[in-house]
């Protein structure tokens, strides 16, 4: 009995030491890459932060921030980024519906899945150039509408300030929805079939099954996708706007976004300090957005488990 107790204690010690050792080994493996990333990212953030408080090498305090935050063009750019956030619920809804449709499609799912995901892997400048040609006043879309007798729907999609930003939003949605579809579809496929079989036996219909079972089951993935796309709308739409508006954010400032404002301040207007101040505002906004979404995710998951 004494020998057995000693052996069991020894096994317990080893089992406690193994996770700690594994954690240390994992940390040692990722430490070099983590340090490189931390140095590059940290150095860039610190440099931009210092530059935002200077002008011609002199310390000017918050003067650059005051100039930027009172600039009507920058406020317009922030407003447009906020309007682009309205595309996130559309992306989530479309991705969820398409993922369900692909899940229920037994024949040809691989082909349809590849077709849906293909736009996401295309380079953004290529997508922007192609859709820039399609949405021109005499582009393919208006030619098609006129050919089928829908002349009243033909518009100057990129030249009309009232709809130019919405037109670019449609391009972003077309490209980004495939990422969400693949994420959600992969999670749905991993769910146990017994749950769906039980729901069908209980008489649950198609939409009731997926809304009451699939949606809560993949809520974590849905929120993650929402976070990624929200960050995209705030700080990753530069390529779309720059290519489709020829770097102007036009017509007028109808498609001006914060990234393009930073670019133009730094390289066209030769005001890197103002660009740095605007970049700090954008960084803070992105950080706040991430924290807010992750809190929503935590509450959503906690609410799901408490039901």
C-alpha atoms as a PDB file:
ATOM      1  CA  UNK A   1       0.000   0.000   0.000  1.00  0.00           C
ATOM      2  CA  UNK A   2       2.814   2.361   0.844  1.00  0.00           C
ATOM      3  CA  UNK A   3       4.502   1.668  -2.491  1.00  0.00           C
ATOM      4  CA  UNK A   4       1.248   2.249  -4.344  1.00  0.00           C
ATOM      5  CA  UNK A   5       0.734   5.562  -2.568  1.00  0.00           C
ATOM      6  CA  UNK A   6       4.255   6.674  -3.401  1.00  0.00           C
ATOM      7  CA  UNK A   7       3.748   5.769  -7.046  1.00  0.00           C
ATOM      8  CA  UNK A   8       0.454   7.650  -7.224  1.00  0.00           C
ATOM      9  CA  UNK A   9       2.059  10.727  -5.639  1.00  0.00           C
ATOM     10  CA  UNK A  10       4.910  10.513  -8.116  1.00  0.00           C
ATOM     11  CA  UNK A  11       2.458  10.284 -11.013  1.00  0.00           C
ATOM     12  CA  UNK A  12       0.599  13.308  -9.637  1.00  0.00           C
ATOM     13  CA  UNK A  13       3.808  15.322  -9.436  1.00  0.00           C
ATOM     14  CA  UNK A  14       4.733  14.383 -13.008  1.00  0.00           C
ATOM     15  CA  UNK A  15       1.238  15.259 -14.268  1.00  0.00           C
ATOM     16  CA  UNK A  16       1.461  18.669 -12.578  1.00  0.00           C
ATOM     17  CA  UNK A  17       4.966  19.295 -13.900  1.00  0.00           C
ATOM     18  CA  UNK A  18       4.199  18.223 -17.474  1.00  0.00           C
ATOM     19  CA  UNK A  19       1.737  21.062 -18.267  1.00  0.00           C
ATOM     20  CA  UNK A  20       4.110  23.603 -16.744  1.00  0.00           C
ATOM     21  CA  UNK A  21       6.999  22.189 -18.752  1.00  0.00           C
ATOM     22  CA  UNK A  22       4.905  22.115 -21.914  1.00  0.00           C
ATOM     23  CA  UNK A  23       3.905  25.748 -21.369  1.00  0.00           C
ATOM     24  CA  UNK A  24       7.536  26.769 -20.891  1.00  0.00           C
ATOM     25  CA  UNK A  25       8.586  24.912 -24.019  1.00  0.00           C
ATOM     26  CA  UNK A  26       5.783  26.474 -26.032  1.00  0.00           C
ATOM     27  CA  UNK A  27       6.748  29.926 -24.766  1.00  0.00           C
ATOM     28  CA  UNK A  28      10.386  29.356 -25.740  1.00  0.00           C
ATOM     29  CA  UNK A  29       9.349  28.313 -29.239  1.00  0.00           C
ATOM     30  CA  UNK A  30       7.131  31.339 -29.891  1.00  0.00           C
ATOM     31  CA  UNK A  31       9.254  33.878 -27.970  1.00  0.00           C
ATOM     32  CA  UNK A  32      11.584  34.823 -30.899  1.00  0.00           C
ATOM     33  CA  UNK A  33       8.704  35.459 -33.319  1.00  0.00           C
ATOM     34  CA  UNK A  34       6.696  37.228 -30.609  1.00  0.00           C
ATOM     35  CA  UNK A  35       9.623  39.521 -29.779  1.00  0.00           C
ATOM     36  CA  UNK A  36      10.123  40.423 -33.445  1.00  0.00           C
ATOM     37  CA  UNK A  37       6.421  41.229 -33.886  1.00  0.00           C
ATOM     38  CA  UNK A  38       6.330  43.160 -30.618  1.00  0.00           C
ATOM     39  CA  UNK A  39       9.418  45.161 -31.574  1.00  0.00           C
ATOM     40  CA  UNK A  40       8.153  46.062 -35.053  1.00  0.00           C
ATOM     41  CA  UNK A  41       4.626  46.891 -33.920  1.00  0.00           C
ATOM     42  CA  UNK A  42       5.696  48.576 -30.692  1.00  0.00           C
ATOM     43  CA  UNK A  43       8.393  50.648 -32.395  1.00  0.00           C
ATOM     44  CA  UNK A  44       5.923  51.833 -35.045  1.00  0.00           C
ATOM     45  CA  UNK A  45       3.277  52.790 -32.490  1.00  0.00           C
ATOM     46  CA  UNK A  46       5.743  54.640 -30.267  1.00  0.00           C
ATOM     47  CA  UNK A  47       7.282  56.473 -33.241  1.00  0.00           C
ATOM     48  CA  UNK A  48       3.897  57.599 -34.547  1.00  0.00           C
ATOM     49  CA  UNK A  49       2.821  58.643 -31.053  1.00  0.00           C
ATOM     50  CA  UNK A  50       5.953  60.772 -30.548  1.00  0.00           C
ATOM     51  CA  UNK A  51       5.620  62.348 -33.991  1.00  0.00           C
ATOM     52  CA  UNK A  52       2.009  63.292 -33.289  1.00  0.00           C
ATOM     53  CA  UNK A  53       3.214  65.598 -30.486  1.00  0.00           C
ATOM     54  CA  UNK A  54       5.873  67.336 -32.596  1.00  0.00           C
ATOM     55  CA  UNK A  55       6.124  69.823 -35.442  1.00  0.00           C
ATOM     56  CA  UNK A  56       9.415  70.433 -37.264  1.00  0.00           C
ATOM     57  CA  UNK A  57      11.175  68.681 -34.395  1.00  0.00           C
ATOM     58  CA  UNK A  58       9.626  70.901 -31.711  1.00  0.00           C
ATOM     59  CA  UNK A  59       7.262  69.676 -29.018  1.00  0.00           C
ATOM     60  CA  UNK A  60       3.794  71.170 -29.620  1.00  0.00           C
ATOM     61  CA  UNK A  61       1.693  69.066 -27.260  1.00  0.00           C
ATOM     62  CA  UNK A  62      -1.863  68.392 -28.408  1.00  0.00           C
ATOM     63  CA  UNK A  63      -1.868  71.054 -31.130  1.00  0.00           C
ATOM     64  CA  UNK A  64      -1.751  68.486 -33.967  1.00  0.00           C
ATOM     65  CA  UNK A  65      -4.674  66.613 -32.442  1.00  0.00           C
ATOM     66  CA  UNK A  66      -6.644  69.850 -32.147  1.00  0.00           C
ATOM     67  CA  UNK A  67      -6.053  70.664 -35.818  1.00  0.00           C
ATOM     68  CA  UNK A  68      -7.038  67.174 -36.962  1.00  0.00           C
ATOM     69  CA  UNK A  69     -10.163  66.830 -34.834  1.00  0.00           C
ATOM     70  CA  UNK A  70     -11.465  70.209 -36.061  1.00  0.00           C
ATOM     71  CA  UNK A  71     -10.737  69.458 -39.719  1.00  0.00           C
ATOM     72  CA  UNK A  72     -14.083  68.962 -41.533  1.00  0.00           C
ATOM     73  CA  UNK A  73     -12.476  66.521 -43.977  1.00  0.00           C
ATOM     74  CA  UNK A  74     -11.260  64.270 -41.153  1.00  0.00           C
ATOM     75  CA  UNK A  75     -14.666  64.385 -39.470  1.00  0.00           C
ATOM     76  CA  UNK A  76     -16.235  63.450 -42.811  1.00  0.00           C
ATOM     77  CA  UNK A  77     -13.784  60.559 -43.128  1.00  0.00           C
ATOM     78  CA  UNK A  78     -14.707  59.268 -39.662  1.00  0.00           C
ATOM     79  CA  UNK A  79     -18.387  59.584 -40.527  1.00  0.00           C
ATOM     80  CA  UNK A  80     -17.866  57.477 -43.653  1.00  0.00           C
ATOM     81  CA  UNK A  81     -16.008  54.808 -41.670  1.00  0.00           C
ATOM     82  CA  UNK A  82     -18.958  54.744 -39.287  1.00  0.00           C
ATOM     83  CA  UNK A  83     -21.369  54.354 -42.205  1.00  0.00           C
ATOM     84  CA  UNK A  84     -19.287  51.471 -43.557  1.00  0.00           C
ATOM     85  CA  UNK A  85     -19.822  49.699 -40.218  1.00  0.00           C
ATOM     86  CA  UNK A  86     -23.464  49.333 -41.248  1.00  0.00           C
ATOM     87  CA  UNK A  87     -22.247  46.766 -43.775  1.00  0.00           C
ATOM     88  CA  UNK A  88     -21.137  44.426 -40.954  1.00  0.00           C
ATOM     89  CA  UNK A  89     -24.668  43.195 -40.049  1.00  0.00           C
ATOM     90  CA  UNK A  90     -25.323  42.702 -43.766  1.00  0.00           C
ATOM     91  CA  UNK A  91     -22.149  40.631 -44.091  1.00  0.00           C
ATOM     92  CA  UNK A  92     -23.018  38.503 -41.056  1.00  0.00           C
ATOM     93  CA  UNK A  93     -26.562  37.869 -42.285  1.00  0.00           C
ATOM     94  CA  UNK A  94     -25.486  36.988 -45.824  1.00  0.00           C
ATOM     95  CA  UNK A  95     -22.656  34.755 -44.621  1.00  0.00           C
ATOM     96  CA  UNK A  96     -24.977  32.897 -42.242  1.00  0.00           C
ATOM     97  CA  UNK A  97     -27.666  32.325 -44.881  1.00  0.00           C
ATOM     98  CA  UNK A  98     -25.178  31.214 -47.539  1.00  0.00           C
ATOM     99  CA  UNK A  99     -23.404  28.917 -45.059  1.00  0.00           C
ATOM    100  CA  UNK A 100     -26.718  27.256 -44.197  1.00  0.00           C
ATOM    101  CA  UNK A 101     -27.579  26.898 -47.890  1.00  0.00           C
ATOM    102  CA  UNK A 102     -24.215  25.263 -48.601  1.00  0.00           C
ATOM    103  CA  UNK A 103     -24.604  23.006 -45.568  1.00  0.00           C
ATOM    104  CA  UNK A 104     -27.959  21.797 -46.836  1.00  0.00           C
ATOM    105  CA  UNK A 105     -26.598  21.305 -50.360  1.00  0.00           C
ATOM    106  CA  UNK A 106     -25.415  17.749 -50.694  1.00  0.00           C
ATOM    107  CA  UNK A 107     -24.364  17.738 -54.353  1.00  0.00           C
ATOM    108  CA  UNK A 108     -21.729  20.117 -55.634  1.00  0.00           C
ATOM    109  CA  UNK A 109     -20.957  21.672 -52.236  1.00  0.00           C
ATOM    110  CA  UNK A 110     -17.212  21.741 -52.919  1.00  0.00           C
ATOM    111  CA  UNK A 111     -17.714  23.676 -56.141  1.00  0.00           C
ATOM    112  CA  UNK A 112     -20.142  26.156 -54.587  1.00  0.00           C
ATOM    113  CA  UNK A 113     -17.896  26.572 -51.550  1.00  0.00           C
ATOM    114  CA  UNK A 114     -14.912  27.374 -53.783  1.00  0.00           C
ATOM    115  CA  UNK A 115     -16.974  29.777 -55.873  1.00  0.00           C
ATOM    116  CA  UNK A 116     -18.143  31.668 -52.793  1.00  0.00           C
ATOM    117  CA  UNK A 117     -14.650  31.845 -51.288  1.00  0.00           C
ATOM    118  CA  UNK A 118     -12.885  32.835 -54.539  1.00  0.00           C
ATOM    119  CA  UNK A 119     -13.580  36.609 -54.279  1.00  0.00           C
ATOM    120  CA  UNK A 120     -11.929  36.708 -50.843  1.00  0.00           C
ATOM    121  CA  UNK A 121      -8.573  35.461 -52.168  1.00  0.00           C
ATOM    122  CA  UNK A 122      -8.489  37.903 -55.074  1.00  0.00           C
ATOM    123  CA  UNK A 123      -6.178  40.933 -54.616  1.00  0.00           C
ATOM    124  CA  UNK A 124      -8.077  44.033 -53.545  1.00  0.00           C
ATOM    125  CA  UNK A 125      -6.589  46.303 -56.267  1.00  0.00           C
ATOM    126  CA  UNK A 126      -7.704  43.829 -58.950  1.00  0.00           C
ATOM    127  CA  UNK A 127     -11.239  43.714 -57.510  1.00  0.00           C
ATOM    128  CA  UNK A 128     -11.356  47.513 -57.241  1.00  0.00           C
ATOM    129  CA  UNK A 129     -10.185  48.011 -60.838  1.00  0.00           C
ATOM    130  CA  UNK A 130     -12.706  45.514 -62.234  1.00  0.00           C
ATOM    131  CA  UNK A 131     -15.655  46.944 -60.298  1.00  0.00           C
ATOM    132  CA  UNK A 132     -14.480  50.457 -61.106  1.00  0.00           C
ATOM    133  CA  UNK A 133     -14.996  49.602 -64.777  1.00  0.00           C
ATOM    134  CA  UNK A 134     -18.321  47.872 -64.119  1.00  0.00           C
ATOM    135  CA  UNK A 135     -19.748  50.804 -62.140  1.00  0.00           C
ATOM    136  CA  UNK A 136     -18.758  53.543 -64.574  1.00  0.00           C
ATOM    137  CA  UNK A 137     -21.475  55.677 -66.147  1.00  0.00           C
ATOM    138  CA  UNK A 138     -21.012  53.753 -69.396  1.00  0.00           C
ATOM    139  CA  UNK A 139     -19.870  50.599 -67.647  1.00  0.00           C
ATOM    140  CA  UNK A 140     -21.083  47.026 -67.929  1.00  0.00           C
ATOM    141  CA  UNK A 141     -23.795  47.360 -65.273  1.00  0.00           C
ATOM    142  CA  UNK A 142     -25.547  50.321 -66.896  1.00  0.00           C
ATOM    143  CA  UNK A 143     -25.212  48.756 -70.348  1.00  0.00           C
ATOM    144  CA  UNK A 144     -26.904  45.618 -69.050  1.00  0.00           C
ATOM    145  CA  UNK A 145     -29.688  47.570 -67.339  1.00  0.00           C
ATOM    146  CA  UNK A 146     -30.414  49.540 -70.498  1.00  0.00           C
ATOM    147  CA  UNK A 147     -30.384  46.398 -72.638  1.00  0.00           C
ATOM    148  CA  UNK A 148     -33.153  44.806 -70.538  1.00  0.00           C
ATOM    149  CA  UNK A 149     -35.297  47.953 -70.434  1.00  0.00           C
ATOM    150  CA  UNK A 150     -34.345  49.085 -66.923  1.00  0.00           C
ATOM    151  CA  UNK A 151     -32.947  52.451 -67.932  1.00  0.00           C
ATOM    152  CA  UNK A 152     -34.419  54.114 -64.841  1.00  0.00           C
ATOM    153  CA  UNK A 153     -32.072  52.034 -62.664  1.00  0.00           C
ATOM    154  CA  UNK A 154     -28.931  53.133 -64.498  1.00  0.00           C
ATOM    155  CA  UNK A 155     -26.942  55.605 -62.423  1.00  0.00           C
ATOM    156  CA  UNK A 156     -23.509  57.163 -62.191  1.00  0.00           C
ATOM    157  CA  UNK A 157     -22.609  54.715 -59.442  1.00  0.00           C
ATOM    158  CA  UNK A 158     -19.185  56.166 -58.623  1.00  0.00           C
ATOM    159  CA  UNK A 159     -19.814  59.727 -59.793  1.00  0.00           C
ATOM    160  CA  UNK A 160     -22.909  60.491 -57.726  1.00  0.00           C
ATOM    161  CA  UNK A 161     -21.914  61.643 -54.191  1.00  0.00           C
ATOM    162  CA  UNK A 162     -25.183  60.305 -52.767  1.00  0.00           C
ATOM    163  CA  UNK A 163     -24.485  56.678 -53.718  1.00  0.00           C
ATOM    164  CA  UNK A 164     -20.715  56.467 -54.249  1.00  0.00           C
ATOM    165  CA  UNK A 165     -19.967  55.214 -50.722  1.00  0.00           C
ATOM    166  CA  UNK A 166     -22.789  52.681 -50.899  1.00  0.00           C
ATOM    167  CA  UNK A 167     -21.422  51.458 -54.222  1.00  0.00           C
ATOM    168  CA  UNK A 168     -18.022  50.832 -52.651  1.00  0.00           C
ATOM    169  CA  UNK A 169     -19.728  49.099 -49.738  1.00  0.00           C
ATOM    170  CA  UNK A 170     -21.288  46.639 -52.164  1.00  0.00           C
ATOM    171  CA  UNK A 171     -17.843  45.793 -53.531  1.00  0.00           C
ATOM    172  CA  UNK A 172     -16.471  45.234 -50.027  1.00  0.00           C
ATOM    173  CA  UNK A 173     -19.451  43.029 -49.145  1.00  0.00           C
ATOM    174  CA  UNK A 174     -18.993  40.974 -52.330  1.00  0.00           C
ATOM    175  CA  UNK A 175     -15.359  40.337 -51.495  1.00  0.00           C
ATOM    176  CA  UNK A 176     -15.565  39.820 -47.737  1.00  0.00           C
ATOM    177  CA  UNK A 177     -18.658  37.620 -47.439  1.00  0.00           C
ATOM    178  CA  UNK A 178     -16.809  34.487 -48.565  1.00  0.00           C
ATOM    179  CA  UNK A 179     -14.556  34.574 -45.520  1.00  0.00           C
ATOM    180  CA  UNK A 180     -17.535  34.512 -43.183  1.00  0.00           C
ATOM    181  CA  UNK A 181     -19.217  31.739 -45.155  1.00  0.00           C
ATOM    182  CA  UNK A 182     -16.185  29.459 -44.838  1.00  0.00           C
ATOM    183  CA  UNK A 183     -15.813  30.203 -41.117  1.00  0.00           C
ATOM    184  CA  UNK A 184     -19.454  29.512 -40.325  1.00  0.00           C
ATOM    185  CA  UNK A 185     -19.752  26.524 -42.651  1.00  0.00           C
ATOM    186  CA  UNK A 186     -16.719  24.857 -41.069  1.00  0.00           C
ATOM    187  CA  UNK A 187     -18.276  25.301 -37.622  1.00  0.00           C
ATOM    188  CA  UNK A 188     -21.708  24.083 -38.750  1.00  0.00           C
ATOM    189  CA  UNK A 189     -20.223  20.926 -40.302  1.00  0.00           C
ATOM    190  CA  UNK A 190     -18.527  20.112 -36.992  1.00  0.00           C
ATOM    191  CA  UNK A 191     -21.828  20.193 -35.065  1.00  0.00           C
ATOM    192  CA  UNK A 192     -23.305  16.795 -34.070  1.00  0.00           C
ATOM    193  CA  UNK A 193     -25.991  15.486 -36.432  1.00  0.00           C
ATOM    194  CA  UNK A 194     -27.970  14.073 -33.498  1.00  0.00           C
ATOM    195  CA  UNK A 195     -29.075  17.572 -32.539  1.00  0.00           C
ATOM    196  CA  UNK A 196     -30.577  18.242 -35.960  1.00  0.00           C
ATOM    197  CA  UNK A 197     -32.216  14.832 -36.063  1.00  0.00           C
ATOM    198  CA  UNK A 198     -33.844  15.459 -32.695  1.00  0.00           C
ATOM    199  CA  UNK A 199     -35.094  18.857 -33.895  1.00  0.00           C
ATOM    200  CA  UNK A 200     -36.641  17.322 -37.016  1.00  0.00           C
ATOM    201  CA  UNK A 201     -38.336  14.626 -34.931  1.00  0.00           C
ATOM    202  CA  UNK A 202     -39.804  17.363 -32.722  1.00  0.00           C
ATOM    203  CA  UNK A 203     -41.250  18.990 -35.835  1.00  0.00           C
ATOM    204  CA  UNK A 204     -38.903  21.983 -36.134  1.00  0.00           C
ATOM    205  CA  UNK A 205     -38.883  23.508 -39.609  1.00  0.00           C
ATOM    206  CA  UNK A 206     -35.896  24.571 -41.692  1.00  0.00           C
ATOM    207  CA  UNK A 207     -35.543  28.137 -40.442  1.00  0.00           C
ATOM    208  CA  UNK A 208     -36.575  27.319 -36.875  1.00  0.00           C
ATOM    209  CA  UNK A 209     -33.900  24.598 -36.722  1.00  0.00           C
ATOM    210  CA  UNK A 210     -31.101  26.819 -37.905  1.00  0.00           C
ATOM    211  CA  UNK A 211     -32.207  29.907 -35.982  1.00  0.00           C
ATOM    212  CA  UNK A 212     -32.722  28.078 -32.680  1.00  0.00           C
ATOM    213  CA  UNK A 213     -29.930  25.497 -32.942  1.00  0.00           C
ATOM    214  CA  UNK A 214     -27.306  26.526 -35.490  1.00  0.00           C
ATOM    215  CA  UNK A 215     -27.162  30.225 -34.626  1.00  0.00           C
ATOM    216  CA  UNK A 216     -26.519  29.799 -30.859  1.00  0.00           C
ATOM    217  CA  UNK A 217     -24.098  26.925 -31.536  1.00  0.00           C
ATOM    218  CA  UNK A 218     -21.865  29.038 -33.801  1.00  0.00           C
ATOM    219  CA  UNK A 219     -22.368  32.346 -31.967  1.00  0.00           C
ATOM    220  CA  UNK A 220     -18.685  32.509 -31.067  1.00  0.00           C
ATOM    221  CA  UNK A 221     -17.725  32.266 -34.741  1.00  0.00           C
ATOM    222  CA  UNK A 222     -20.351  34.835 -35.743  1.00  0.00           C
ATOM    223  CA  UNK A 223     -19.049  37.376 -33.223  1.00  0.00           C
ATOM    224  CA  UNK A 224     -15.445  36.707 -34.249  1.00  0.00           C
ATOM    225  CA  UNK A 225     -16.346  37.345 -37.887  1.00  0.00           C
ATOM    226  CA  UNK A 226     -18.163  40.515 -36.863  1.00  0.00           C
ATOM    227  CA  UNK A 227     -15.057  41.767 -35.037  1.00  0.00           C
ATOM    228  CA  UNK A 228     -12.821  41.091 -38.034  1.00  0.00           C
ATOM    229  CA  UNK A 229     -15.160  42.836 -40.458  1.00  0.00           C
ATOM    230  CA  UNK A 230     -15.709  45.808 -38.139  1.00  0.00           C
ATOM    231  CA  UNK A 231     -11.951  46.325 -37.983  1.00  0.00           C
ATOM    232  CA  UNK A 232     -11.840  45.997 -41.769  1.00  0.00           C
ATOM    233  CA  UNK A 233     -14.450  48.738 -42.202  1.00  0.00           C
ATOM    234  CA  UNK A 234     -12.612  51.058 -39.832  1.00  0.00           C
ATOM    235  CA  UNK A 235      -9.017  50.592 -40.905  1.00  0.00           C
ATOM    236  CA  UNK A 236      -8.688  48.304 -43.954  1.00  0.00           C
ATOM    237  CA  UNK A 237     -10.659  49.913 -46.792  1.00  0.00           C
ATOM    238  CA  UNK A 238      -7.876  52.130 -48.127  1.00  0.00           C
ATOM    239  CA  UNK A 239      -7.162  50.002 -51.215  1.00  0.00           C
ATOM    240  CA  UNK A 240     -10.794  49.975 -52.312  1.00  0.00           C
ATOM    241  CA  UNK A 241     -11.211  53.730 -51.987  1.00  0.00           C
ATOM    242  CA  UNK A 242      -7.806  54.659 -53.384  1.00  0.00           C
ATOM    243  CA  UNK A 243      -8.165  52.577 -56.555  1.00  0.00           C
ATOM    244  CA  UNK A 244     -11.842  53.259 -57.260  1.00  0.00           C
ATOM    245  CA  UNK A 245     -11.592  57.011 -56.613  1.00  0.00           C
ATOM    246  CA  UNK A 246      -8.124  57.504 -58.154  1.00  0.00           C
ATOM    247  CA  UNK A 247      -6.725  58.413 -54.754  1.00  0.00           C
ATOM    248  CA  UNK A 248      -9.025  61.411 -54.294  1.00  0.00           C
ATOM    249  CA  UNK A 249     -11.842  60.043 -52.141  1.00  0.00           C
ATOM    250  CA  UNK A 250     -14.296  61.590 -54.565  1.00  0.00           C
ATOM    251  CA  UNK A 251     -16.520  62.727 -55.979  1.00  0.00           C
ATOM    252  CA  UNK A 252     -15.754  65.632 -53.664  1.00  0.00           C
ATOM    253  CA  UNK A 253     -15.169  63.897 -50.342  1.00  0.00           C
ATOM    254  CA  UNK A 254     -18.028  61.420 -50.759  1.00  0.00           C
ATOM    255  CA  UNK A 255     -15.761  58.389 -50.287  1.00  0.00           C
ATOM    256  CA  UNK A 256     -13.077  59.922 -48.063  1.00  0.00           C
ATOM    257  CA  UNK A 257     -12.094  57.548 -45.221  1.00  0.00           C
ATOM    258  CA  UNK A 258      -9.647  57.939 -42.353  1.00  0.00           C
ATOM    259  CA  UNK A 259      -6.886  55.882 -43.986  1.00  0.00           C
ATOM    260  CA  UNK A 260      -6.993  57.960 -47.158  1.00  0.00           C
ATOM    261  CA  UNK A 261      -6.942  61.132 -45.047  1.00  0.00           C
ATOM    262  CA  UNK A 262      -3.787  59.903 -43.310  1.00  0.00           C
ATOM    263  CA  UNK A 263      -2.173  59.020 -46.642  1.00  0.00           C
ATOM    264  CA  UNK A 264      -2.974  62.374 -48.226  1.00  0.00           C
ATOM    265  CA  UNK A 265      -1.813  64.310 -45.148  1.00  0.00           C
ATOM    266  CA  UNK A 266       1.515  62.468 -45.049  1.00  0.00           C
ATOM    267  CA  UNK A 267       2.431  62.257 -48.739  1.00  0.00           C
ATOM    268  CA  UNK A 268       0.365  64.778 -50.684  1.00  0.00           C
ATOM    269  CA  UNK A 269       0.029  67.614 -48.186  1.00  0.00           C
ATOM    270  CA  UNK A 270       3.492  67.013 -46.664  1.00  0.00           C
ATOM    271  CA  UNK A 271       2.125  67.108 -43.110  1.00  0.00           C
ATOM    272  CA  UNK A 272       3.395  63.900 -41.463  1.00  0.00           C
ATOM    273  CA  UNK A 273       2.678  65.242 -37.974  1.00  0.00           C
ATOM    274  CA  UNK A 274      -1.009  65.675 -38.766  1.00  0.00           C
ATOM    275  CA  UNK A 275      -1.030  62.247 -40.367  1.00  0.00           C
ATOM    276  CA  UNK A 276       0.498  60.801 -37.192  1.00  0.00           C
ATOM    277  CA  UNK A 277      -2.171  62.482 -35.036  1.00  0.00           C
ATOM    278  CA  UNK A 278      -4.927  61.119 -37.293  1.00  0.00           C
ATOM    279  CA  UNK A 279      -3.303  57.672 -37.124  1.00  0.00           C
ATOM    280  CA  UNK A 280      -3.387  57.808 -33.317  1.00  0.00           C
ATOM    281  CA  UNK A 281      -7.108  58.622 -33.439  1.00  0.00           C
ATOM    282  CA  UNK A 282      -7.650  55.685 -35.796  1.00  0.00           C
ATOM    283  CA  UNK A 283      -5.629  53.348 -33.582  1.00  0.00           C
ATOM    284  CA  UNK A 284      -7.628  54.344 -30.500  1.00  0.00           C
ATOM    285  CA  UNK A 285     -10.918  53.914 -32.359  1.00  0.00           C
ATOM    286  CA  UNK A 286      -9.896  50.461 -33.560  1.00  0.00           C
ATOM    287  CA  UNK A 287      -8.764  49.469 -30.069  1.00  0.00           C
ATOM    288  CA  UNK A 288     -12.016  50.658 -28.485  1.00  0.00           C
ATOM    289  CA  UNK A 289     -13.975  48.807 -31.140  1.00  0.00           C
ATOM    290  CA  UNK A 290     -12.098  45.576 -30.470  1.00  0.00           C
ATOM    291  CA  UNK A 291     -12.622  45.843 -26.704  1.00  0.00           C
ATOM    292  CA  UNK A 292     -16.326  46.579 -27.163  1.00  0.00           C
ATOM    293  CA  UNK A 293     -16.882  43.663 -29.510  1.00  0.00           C
ATOM    294  CA  UNK A 294     -14.999  41.216 -27.307  1.00  0.00           C
ATOM    295  CA  UNK A 295     -17.122  42.288 -24.334  1.00  0.00           C
ATOM    296  CA  UNK A 296     -20.219  41.681 -26.422  1.00  0.00           C
ATOM    297  CA  UNK A 297     -18.822  38.283 -27.362  1.00  0.00           C
ATOM    298  CA  UNK A 298     -18.202  37.388 -23.726  1.00  0.00           C
ATOM    299  CA  UNK A 299     -21.719  38.421 -22.689  1.00  0.00           C
ATOM    300  CA  UNK A 300     -23.278  36.592 -25.645  1.00  0.00           C
ATOM    301  CA  UNK A 301     -21.457  33.370 -24.847  1.00  0.00           C
ATOM    302  CA  UNK A 302     -22.259  33.682 -21.130  1.00  0.00           C
ATOM    303  CA  UNK A 303     -25.916  34.249 -21.960  1.00  0.00           C
ATOM    304  CA  UNK A 304     -25.951  31.209 -24.233  1.00  0.00           C
ATOM    305  CA  UNK A 305     -24.534  28.954 -21.509  1.00  0.00           C
ATOM    306  CA  UNK A 306     -26.916  30.346 -18.866  1.00  0.00           C
ATOM    307  CA  UNK A 307     -29.996  29.448 -20.897  1.00  0.00           C
END
